[in-house]
Amino acid sequence: EKEEDKEASKKIFRPIPDGEFELVPLGEDPSKSVKIGADLPPLVQKQSPENSDLFAWSAAEMPGLDPDTACHQLAIDPAARAVVQRR
């Protein structure tokens, strides 16, 4: 396995927001912020920081969550070769 493939498998990929958005901090920690749609009503934009205790940043912050609900596995043949799709 190539070194770059190993590095890519360690990355955490996150969805990219579609359209205009605003970065809203949730508390004093600058790493804990969310991107919300800029076209949302002001009330919704205001409620996100007020309800920051409802956000979880890792599975460890969700005690009692069944791992079968939070985890998934892809049915991929380990012997299969990775193929880059054309754009």
Protein backbone atom coordinates (compact mmCIF):
# COMPACT_ATOMS: atom_id res chain seq x y z
CA GLU A 1 0.00 0.00 0.00
CA LYS A 2 1.35 3.42 -0.92
CA GLU A 3 2.25 5.90 1.80
CA GLU A 4 -0.14 8.52 0.38
CA ASP A 5 -3.00 5.99 0.51
CA LYS A 6 -2.27 5.40 4.19
CA GLU A 7 -2.31 9.15 4.88
CA ALA A 8 -5.57 9.62 2.95
CA SER A 9 -7.25 6.87 4.95
CA LYS A 10 -6.40 8.72 8.19
CA LYS A 11 -8.08 11.97 7.11
CA ILE A 12 -11.52 12.84 8.39
CA PHE A 13 -13.62 14.01 5.48
CA ARG A 14 -16.43 16.43 6.20
CA PRO A 15 -19.25 17.62 3.96
CA ILE A 16 -18.81 20.94 2.18
CA PRO A 17 -21.69 23.40 2.70
CA ASP A 18 -23.63 24.35 -0.41
CA GLY A 19 -24.32 28.06 -0.85
CA GLU A 20 -23.48 31.00 1.40
CA PHE A 21 -22.84 30.25 5.06
CA GLU A 22 -21.71 31.90 8.26
CA LEU A 23 -19.31 30.47 10.81
CA VAL A 24 -21.01 30.62 14.21
CA PRO A 25 -18.87 30.05 17.34
CA LEU A 26 -20.37 27.79 20.00
CA GLY A 27 -18.76 28.96 23.20
CA GLU A 28 -15.27 30.20 23.91
CA ASP A 29 -13.32 27.40 22.19
CA PRO A 30 -12.61 28.64 18.62
CA SER A 31 -12.38 25.09 17.29
CA LYS A 32 -16.00 24.47 18.26
CA SER A 33 -18.01 26.35 15.69
CA VAL A 34 -20.61 25.40 13.11
CA LYS A 35 -21.36 26.60 9.61
CA ILE A 36 -24.98 27.58 9.11
CA GLY A 37 -26.77 28.88 6.05
CA ALA A 38 -26.56 32.66 5.69
CA ASP A 39 -30.15 32.72 4.44
CA LEU A 40 -31.58 31.18 7.63
CA PRO A 41 -33.89 33.37 9.69
CA PRO A 42 -32.14 35.39 12.46
CA LEU A 43 -33.97 33.39 15.14
CA VAL A 44 -32.41 30.13 13.92
CA GLN A 45 -28.96 31.74 13.72
CA LYS A 46 -29.36 32.96 17.30
CA GLN A 47 -30.55 29.59 18.62
CA SER A 48 -27.46 27.62 17.56
CA PRO A 49 -25.10 29.18 20.16
CA GLU A 50 -27.87 29.13 22.78
CA ASN A 51 -28.23 25.37 22.29
CA SER A 52 -24.51 24.59 22.07
CA ASP A 53 -24.88 21.94 24.78
CA LEU A 54 -26.80 19.82 22.25
CA PHE A 55 -23.80 19.50 19.92
CA ALA A 56 -21.39 16.56 20.23
CA TRP A 57 -17.87 16.73 18.79
CA SER A 58 -17.03 13.06 19.18
CA ALA A 59 -18.69 9.75 19.96
CA ALA A 60 -17.15 9.95 23.44
CA GLU A 61 -19.43 12.91 24.20
CA MET A 62 -22.52 10.78 23.55
CA PRO A 63 -22.68 8.26 26.41
CA GLY A 64 -25.39 5.69 26.03
CA LEU A 65 -25.34 5.82 22.23
CA ASP A 66 -25.48 2.33 20.79
CA PRO A 67 -22.28 1.79 18.72
CA ASP A 68 -24.35 -0.12 16.14
CA THR A 69 -26.22 3.13 15.49
CA ALA A 70 -23.15 5.36 15.30
CA CYS A 71 -20.80 3.07 13.34
CA HIS A 72 -20.96 1.68 9.86
CA GLN A 73 -18.86 -0.52 7.64
CA LEU A 74 -18.55 -0.54 3.89
CA ALA A 75 -18.70 -3.87 2.09
CA ILE A 76 -15.39 -3.50 0.25
CA ASP A 77 -13.21 -6.37 -0.88
CA PRO A 78 -9.84 -5.87 0.87
CA ALA A 79 -8.13 -7.27 -2.22
CA ALA A 80 -9.76 -4.68 -4.52
CA ARG A 81 -7.51 -2.10 -6.15
CA ALA A 82 -8.33 1.60 -5.65
CA VAL A 83 -9.43 3.38 -8.83
CA VAL A 84 -9.47 7.16 -9.31
CA GLN A 85 -12.58 8.32 -11.16
CA ARG A 86 -12.26 10.67 -14.10
CA ARG A 87 -13.75 14.12 -13.71
